[in-house]
Amino acid sequence: MTAKIIVTDRRVLLTGALAIGAAGLLPRSVTPATAQSSASNGFAPTETMAGGSNNYVANAPLVQNLGTGFVASGVVRRAGDGKPLSNIRVQIWAATERGGERVPSNRGSVMTGPDGSYRLDISPIVPQFGQPHIHIAYDDPGFATLFLRPVLNSRHDKALTADFVLAPAAGNEPRRS
């Protein structure tokens, strides 16, 4: 009886392991936060993303912009019927060329318009923890708290669209912060 021995280069194993790991992460970290619709149940609420609440500070001030060079925008809808939600406060913060996520001038809030849309100009995004990303949150009464952490394709991206769907707040559930 002969035993067959397979010799594998460590680089091949490492490359394979990294590829499998990246494949497992991609759907969660690269998939944009978008409103989901199905014919049977209307618009499903967007789920909070892991790491979305990192460095969150409640009640970020309303701002005109957080610099220029990058645009964060989207549409906010109500779960169920998908109706655009106007006058909803959307909070945004990011690590930019001006500093990290904790820098007060890198965070602010905007209100949605009559069509549910929001837009905020920001200084160019820089990677933090190896990924260029921004944080978007809804944390006001009326709807369930939501934290998003969409990852950009590249630090050179100039814009990101993050549409999301809010679920009505449950009367007896504590709000997360």
C-alpha atoms as a PDB file:
ATOM      1  CA  MET A   1       0.000   0.000   0.000  1.00  0.00           C
ATOM      2  CA  THR A   2       1.359   3.413  -0.988  1.00  0.00           C
ATOM      3  CA  ALA A   3       0.553   6.658   0.815  1.00  0.00           C
ATOM      4  CA  LYS A   4       0.344   9.814  -1.277  1.00  0.00           C
ATOM      5  CA  ILE A   5       1.785  12.918   0.370  1.00  0.00           C
ATOM      6  CA  ILE A   6       0.620  16.315  -0.859  1.00  0.00           C
ATOM      7  CA  VAL A   7       3.001  19.191  -0.292  1.00  0.00           C
ATOM      8  CA  THR A   8       1.301  22.575  -0.237  1.00  0.00           C
ATOM      9  CA  ASP A   9       3.054  25.923  -0.271  1.00  0.00           C
ATOM     10  CA  ARG A  10       2.062  28.134   2.721  1.00  0.00           C
ATOM     11  CA  ARG A  11       1.356  31.003   0.334  1.00  0.00           C
ATOM     12  CA  VAL A  12      -1.261  28.895  -1.457  1.00  0.00           C
ATOM     13  CA  LEU A  13      -2.958  28.055   1.835  1.00  0.00           C
ATOM     14  CA  LEU A  14      -2.878  31.675   3.017  1.00  0.00           C
ATOM     15  CA  THR A  15      -4.225  32.973  -0.291  1.00  0.00           C
ATOM     16  CA  GLY A  16      -7.042  30.419  -0.223  1.00  0.00           C
ATOM     17  CA  ALA A  17      -7.941  31.235   3.370  1.00  0.00           C
ATOM     18  CA  LEU A  18      -7.994  34.969   2.627  1.00  0.00           C
ATOM     19  CA  ALA A  19     -10.166  34.433  -0.450  1.00  0.00           C
ATOM     20  CA  ILE A  20     -12.666  32.356   1.534  1.00  0.00           C
ATOM     21  CA  GLY A  21     -12.703  34.935   4.336  1.00  0.00           C
ATOM     22  CA  ALA A  22     -13.184  37.824   1.908  1.00  0.00           C
ATOM     23  CA  ALA A  23     -16.002  35.990   0.147  1.00  0.00           C
ATOM     24  CA  GLY A  24     -17.751  35.551   3.477  1.00  0.00           C
ATOM     25  CA  LEU A  25     -17.416  39.234   4.341  1.00  0.00           C
ATOM     26  CA  LEU A  26     -18.273  40.812   1.000  1.00  0.00           C
ATOM     27  CA  PRO A  27     -22.035  40.408   1.013  1.00  0.00           C
ATOM     28  CA  ARG A  28     -22.295  42.062   4.431  1.00  0.00           C
ATOM     29  CA  SER A  29     -19.722  44.830   4.087  1.00  0.00           C
ATOM     30  CA  VAL A  30     -20.019  45.809   0.442  1.00  0.00           C
ATOM     31  CA  THR A  31     -23.752  45.451  -0.061  1.00  0.00           C
ATOM     32  CA  PRO A  32     -25.231  48.952   0.003  1.00  0.00           C
ATOM     33  CA  ALA A  33     -27.941  49.785   2.509  1.00  0.00           C
ATOM     34  CA  THR A  34     -30.928  49.808   0.185  1.00  0.00           C
ATOM     35  CA  ALA A  35     -34.647  49.603   0.591  1.00  0.00           C
ATOM     36  CA  GLN A  36     -35.831  46.059   0.018  1.00  0.00           C
ATOM     37  CA  SER A  37     -39.190  45.384  -1.571  1.00  0.00           C
ATOM     38  CA  SER A  38     -41.137  42.236  -2.202  1.00  0.00           C
ATOM     39  CA  ALA A  39     -44.580  41.810  -3.683  1.00  0.00           C
ATOM     40  CA  SER A  40     -45.868  39.834  -0.681  1.00  0.00           C
ATOM     41  CA  ASN A  41     -44.968  42.109   2.237  1.00  0.00           C
ATOM     42  CA  GLY A  42     -44.069  45.542   0.879  1.00  0.00           C
ATOM     43  CA  PHE A  43     -40.930  47.267   2.082  1.00  0.00           C
ATOM     44  CA  ALA A  44     -39.055  45.396   4.812  1.00  0.00           C
ATOM     45  CA  PRO A  45     -37.227  47.466   7.453  1.00  0.00           C
ATOM     46  CA  THR A  46     -33.502  47.890   6.900  1.00  0.00           C
ATOM     47  CA  GLU A  47     -31.450  46.025   9.500  1.00  0.00           C
ATOM     48  CA  THR A  48     -28.809  47.703  11.647  1.00  0.00           C
ATOM     49  CA  MET A  49     -25.291  46.915  10.408  1.00  0.00           C
ATOM     50  CA  ALA A  50     -22.516  45.618  12.647  1.00  0.00           C
ATOM     51  CA  GLY A  51     -20.264  48.491  13.712  1.00  0.00           C
ATOM     52  CA  GLY A  52     -22.840  51.082  12.663  1.00  0.00           C
ATOM     53  CA  SER A  53     -23.077  52.662  16.101  1.00  0.00           C
ATOM     54  CA  ASN A  54     -19.296  52.972  16.621  1.00  0.00           C
ATOM     55  CA  ASN A  55     -18.425  56.475  17.866  1.00  0.00           C
ATOM     56  CA  TYR A  56     -22.101  57.483  17.848  1.00  0.00           C
ATOM     57  CA  VAL A  57     -22.996  60.674  19.715  1.00  0.00           C
ATOM     58  CA  ALA A  58     -26.698  61.457  20.150  1.00  0.00           C
ATOM     59  CA  ASN A  59     -28.183  64.709  18.881  1.00  0.00           C
ATOM     60  CA  ALA A  60     -25.554  65.673  16.312  1.00  0.00           C
ATOM     61  CA  PRO A  61     -26.288  69.280  15.297  1.00  0.00           C
ATOM     62  CA  LEU A  62     -28.083  70.154  12.078  1.00  0.00           C
ATOM     63  CA  VAL A  63     -25.442  71.258   9.560  1.00  0.00           C
ATOM     64  CA  GLN A  64     -25.267  72.629   6.014  1.00  0.00           C
ATOM     65  CA  ASN A  65     -22.206  70.481   5.224  1.00  0.00           C
ATOM     66  CA  LEU A  66     -19.195  68.719   6.723  1.00  0.00           C
ATOM     67  CA  GLY A  67     -16.794  69.934   4.036  1.00  0.00           C
ATOM     68  CA  THR A  68     -16.703  69.208   0.318  1.00  0.00           C
ATOM     69  CA  GLY A  69     -15.398  66.447  -1.928  1.00  0.00           C
ATOM     70  CA  PHE A  70     -17.770  63.608  -1.001  1.00  0.00           C
ATOM     71  CA  VAL A  71     -21.582  63.363  -1.051  1.00  0.00           C
ATOM     72  CA  ALA A  72     -23.708  61.069   1.128  1.00  0.00           C
ATOM     73  CA  SER A  73     -27.323  60.827  -0.008  1.00  0.00           C
ATOM     74  CA  GLY A  74     -30.342  58.579  -0.060  1.00  0.00           C
ATOM     75  CA  VAL A  75     -34.067  58.214   0.456  1.00  0.00           C
ATOM     76  CA  VAL A  76     -35.761  57.225   3.719  1.00  0.00           C
ATOM     77  CA  ARG A  77     -38.968  55.181   3.448  1.00  0.00           C
ATOM     78  CA  ARG A  78     -41.539  53.735   5.831  1.00  0.00           C
ATOM     79  CA  ALA A  79     -41.683  49.965   6.277  1.00  0.00           C
ATOM     80  CA  GLY A  80     -44.697  48.297   4.737  1.00  0.00           C
ATOM     81  CA  ASP A  81     -45.890  50.731   2.084  1.00  0.00           C
ATOM     82  CA  GLY A  82     -42.526  52.325   1.227  1.00  0.00           C
ATOM     83  CA  LYS A  83     -43.885  55.858   1.582  1.00  0.00           C
ATOM     84  CA  PRO A  84     -41.046  58.434   1.551  1.00  0.00           C
ATOM     85  CA  LEU A  85     -40.623  59.977   5.014  1.00  0.00           C
ATOM     86  CA  SER A  86     -40.225  63.747   5.176  1.00  0.00           C
ATOM     87  CA  ASN A  87     -38.777  65.756   8.038  1.00  0.00           C
ATOM     88  CA  ILE A  88     -36.742  62.791   9.350  1.00  0.00           C
ATOM     89  CA  ARG A  89     -33.433  63.549  11.060  1.00  0.00           C
ATOM     90  CA  VAL A  90     -30.522  61.579   9.552  1.00  0.00           C
ATOM     91  CA  GLN A  91     -27.172  61.653  11.374  1.00  0.00           C
ATOM     92  CA  ILE A  92     -23.902  61.133   9.503  1.00  0.00           C
ATOM     93  CA  TRP A  93     -20.307  60.859  10.723  1.00  0.00           C
ATOM     94  CA  ALA A  94     -17.067  59.658   9.151  1.00  0.00           C
ATOM     95  CA  ALA A  95     -13.286  59.748   9.272  1.00  0.00           C
ATOM     96  CA  THR A  96     -12.227  62.373   6.753  1.00  0.00           C
ATOM     97  CA  GLU A  97      -9.122  64.222   5.667  1.00  0.00           C
ATOM     98  CA  ARG A  98      -9.892  66.624   8.558  1.00  0.00           C
ATOM     99  CA  GLY A  99      -9.668  63.902  11.239  1.00  0.00           C
ATOM    100  CA  GLY A 100     -11.294  60.830  12.724  1.00  0.00           C
ATOM    101  CA  GLU A 101     -14.894  59.933  13.453  1.00  0.00           C
ATOM    102  CA  ARG A 102     -14.728  61.492  16.922  1.00  0.00           C
ATOM    103  CA  VAL A 103     -13.855  64.958  15.571  1.00  0.00           C
ATOM    104  CA  PRO A 104     -16.984  67.102  16.140  1.00  0.00           C
ATOM    105  CA  SER A 105     -16.664  68.757  12.726  1.00  0.00           C
ATOM    106  CA  ASN A 106     -16.954  65.302  11.078  1.00  0.00           C
ATOM    107  CA  ARG A 107     -20.478  64.669  12.352  1.00  0.00           C
ATOM    108  CA  GLY A 108     -23.808  66.298  11.745  1.00  0.00           C
ATOM    109  CA  SER A 109     -27.491  65.846  10.997  1.00  0.00           C
ATOM    110  CA  VAL A 110     -29.700  66.719   8.039  1.00  0.00           C
ATOM    111  CA  MET A 111     -33.458  66.538   7.590  1.00  0.00           C
ATOM    112  CA  THR A 112     -35.166  64.642   4.794  1.00  0.00           C
ATOM    113  CA  GLY A 113     -37.123  66.603   2.214  1.00  0.00           C
ATOM    114  CA  PRO A 114     -40.757  66.105   1.148  1.00  0.00           C
ATOM    115  CA  ASP A 115     -39.671  63.194  -1.094  1.00  0.00           C
ATOM    116  CA  GLY A 116     -37.787  61.483   1.767  1.00  0.00           C
ATOM    117  CA  SER A 117     -34.393  62.382   0.313  1.00  0.00           C
ATOM    118  CA  TYR A 118     -31.354  63.549   2.250  1.00  0.00           C
ATOM    119  CA  ARG A 119     -27.957  64.800   1.117  1.00  0.00           C
ATOM    120  CA  LEU A 120     -24.830  65.930   2.928  1.00  0.00           C
ATOM    121  CA  ASP A 121     -21.531  67.151   1.479  1.00  0.00           C
ATOM    122  CA  ILE A 122     -18.546  65.833   3.441  1.00  0.00           C
ATOM    123  CA  SER A 123     -14.766  66.164   3.207  1.00  0.00           C
ATOM    124  CA  PRO A 124     -13.144  63.196   1.404  1.00  0.00           C
ATOM    125  CA  ILE A 125     -13.428  59.946   3.355  1.00  0.00           C
ATOM    126  CA  VAL A 126     -10.272  58.214   4.595  1.00  0.00           C
ATOM    127  CA  PRO A 127     -10.002  54.567   5.651  1.00  0.00           C
ATOM    128  CA  GLN A 128     -10.392  53.773   9.320  1.00  0.00           C
ATOM    129  CA  PHE A 129      -9.592  50.224  10.434  1.00  0.00           C
ATOM    130  CA  GLY A 130      -8.546  49.531   6.828  1.00  0.00           C
ATOM    131  CA  GLN A 131     -11.903  50.405   5.263  1.00  0.00           C
ATOM    132  CA  PRO A 132     -13.198  53.678   3.881  1.00  0.00           C
ATOM    133  CA  HIS A 133     -16.720  53.909   5.324  1.00  0.00           C
ATOM    134  CA  ILE A 134     -19.287  56.286   6.740  1.00  0.00           C
ATOM    135  CA  HIS A 135     -21.889  55.973   9.470  1.00  0.00           C
ATOM    136  CA  ILE A 136     -25.538  56.874   8.993  1.00  0.00           C
ATOM    137  CA  ALA A 137     -28.087  56.741  11.803  1.00  0.00           C
ATOM    138  CA  TYR A 138     -31.697  57.355  12.619  1.00  0.00           C
ATOM    139  CA  ASP A 139     -32.282  57.722  16.373  1.00  0.00           C
ATOM    140  CA  ASP A 140     -35.316  59.904  17.009  1.00  0.00           C
ATOM    141  CA  PRO A 141     -38.806  59.044  18.304  1.00  0.00           C
ATOM    142  CA  GLY A 142     -41.369  57.546  15.976  1.00  0.00           C
ATOM    143  CA  PHE A 143     -39.315  54.819  14.324  1.00  0.00           C
ATOM    144  CA  ALA A 144     -36.926  52.120  15.484  1.00  0.00           C
ATOM    145  CA  THR A 145     -33.297  53.161  15.863  1.00  0.00           C
ATOM    146  CA  LEU A 146     -31.123  52.247  12.883  1.00  0.00           C
ATOM    147  CA  PHE A 147     -27.340  52.350  12.458  1.00  0.00           C
ATOM    148  CA  LEU A 148     -25.660  51.812   9.079  1.00  0.00           C
ATOM    149  CA  ARG A 149     -21.980  51.456   8.217  1.00  0.00           C
ATOM    150  CA  PRO A 150     -21.738  51.285   4.421  1.00  0.00           C
ATOM    151  CA  VAL A 151     -18.239  50.574   3.108  1.00  0.00           C
ATOM    152  CA  LEU A 152     -16.980  52.397   0.033  1.00  0.00           C
ATOM    153  CA  ASN A 153     -15.338  50.567  -2.855  1.00  0.00           C
ATOM    154  CA  SER A 154     -12.322  52.888  -2.646  1.00  0.00           C
ATOM    155  CA  ARG A 155     -11.090  55.848  -0.637  1.00  0.00           C
ATOM    156  CA  HIS A 156     -11.256  57.747  -3.929  1.00  0.00           C
ATOM    157  CA  ASP A 157     -15.051  57.382  -4.220  1.00  0.00           C
ATOM    158  CA  LYS A 158     -16.798  60.739  -4.403  1.00  0.00           C
ATOM    159  CA  ALA A 159     -20.306  59.662  -3.355  1.00  0.00           C
ATOM    160  CA  LEU A 160     -22.390  57.030  -1.625  1.00  0.00           C
ATOM    161  CA  THR A 161     -26.139  56.471  -1.817  1.00  0.00           C
ATOM    162  CA  ALA A 162     -27.713  54.748   1.182  1.00  0.00           C
ATOM    163  CA  ASP A 163     -31.486  54.347   0.925  1.00  0.00           C
ATOM    164  CA  PHE A 164     -33.139  52.782   3.949  1.00  0.00           C
ATOM    165  CA  VAL A 165     -36.503  51.743   5.367  1.00  0.00           C
ATOM    166  CA  LEU A 166     -37.577  52.565   8.933  1.00  0.00           C
ATOM    167  CA  ALA A 167     -39.873  50.418  11.069  1.00  0.00           C
ATOM    168  CA  PRO A 168     -42.341  52.083  13.441  1.00  0.00           C
ATOM    169  CA  ALA A 169     -40.980  52.156  16.992  1.00  0.00           C
ATOM    170  CA  ALA A 170     -42.456  49.573  19.335  1.00  0.00           C
ATOM    171  CA  GLY A 171     -44.054  51.318  22.299  1.00  0.00           C
ATOM    172  CA  ASN A 172     -42.410  49.173  24.963  1.00  0.00           C
ATOM    173  CA  GLU A 173     -38.945  48.686  23.450  1.00  0.00           C
ATOM    174  CA  PRO A 174     -36.070  50.752  24.840  1.00  0.00           C
ATOM    175  CA  ARG A 175     -34.213  52.792  22.226  1.00  0.00           C
ATOM    176  CA  ARG A 176     -30.616  51.759  21.569  1.00  0.00           C
ATOM    177  CA  SER A 177     -27.850  54.327  21.502  1.00  0.00           C
END
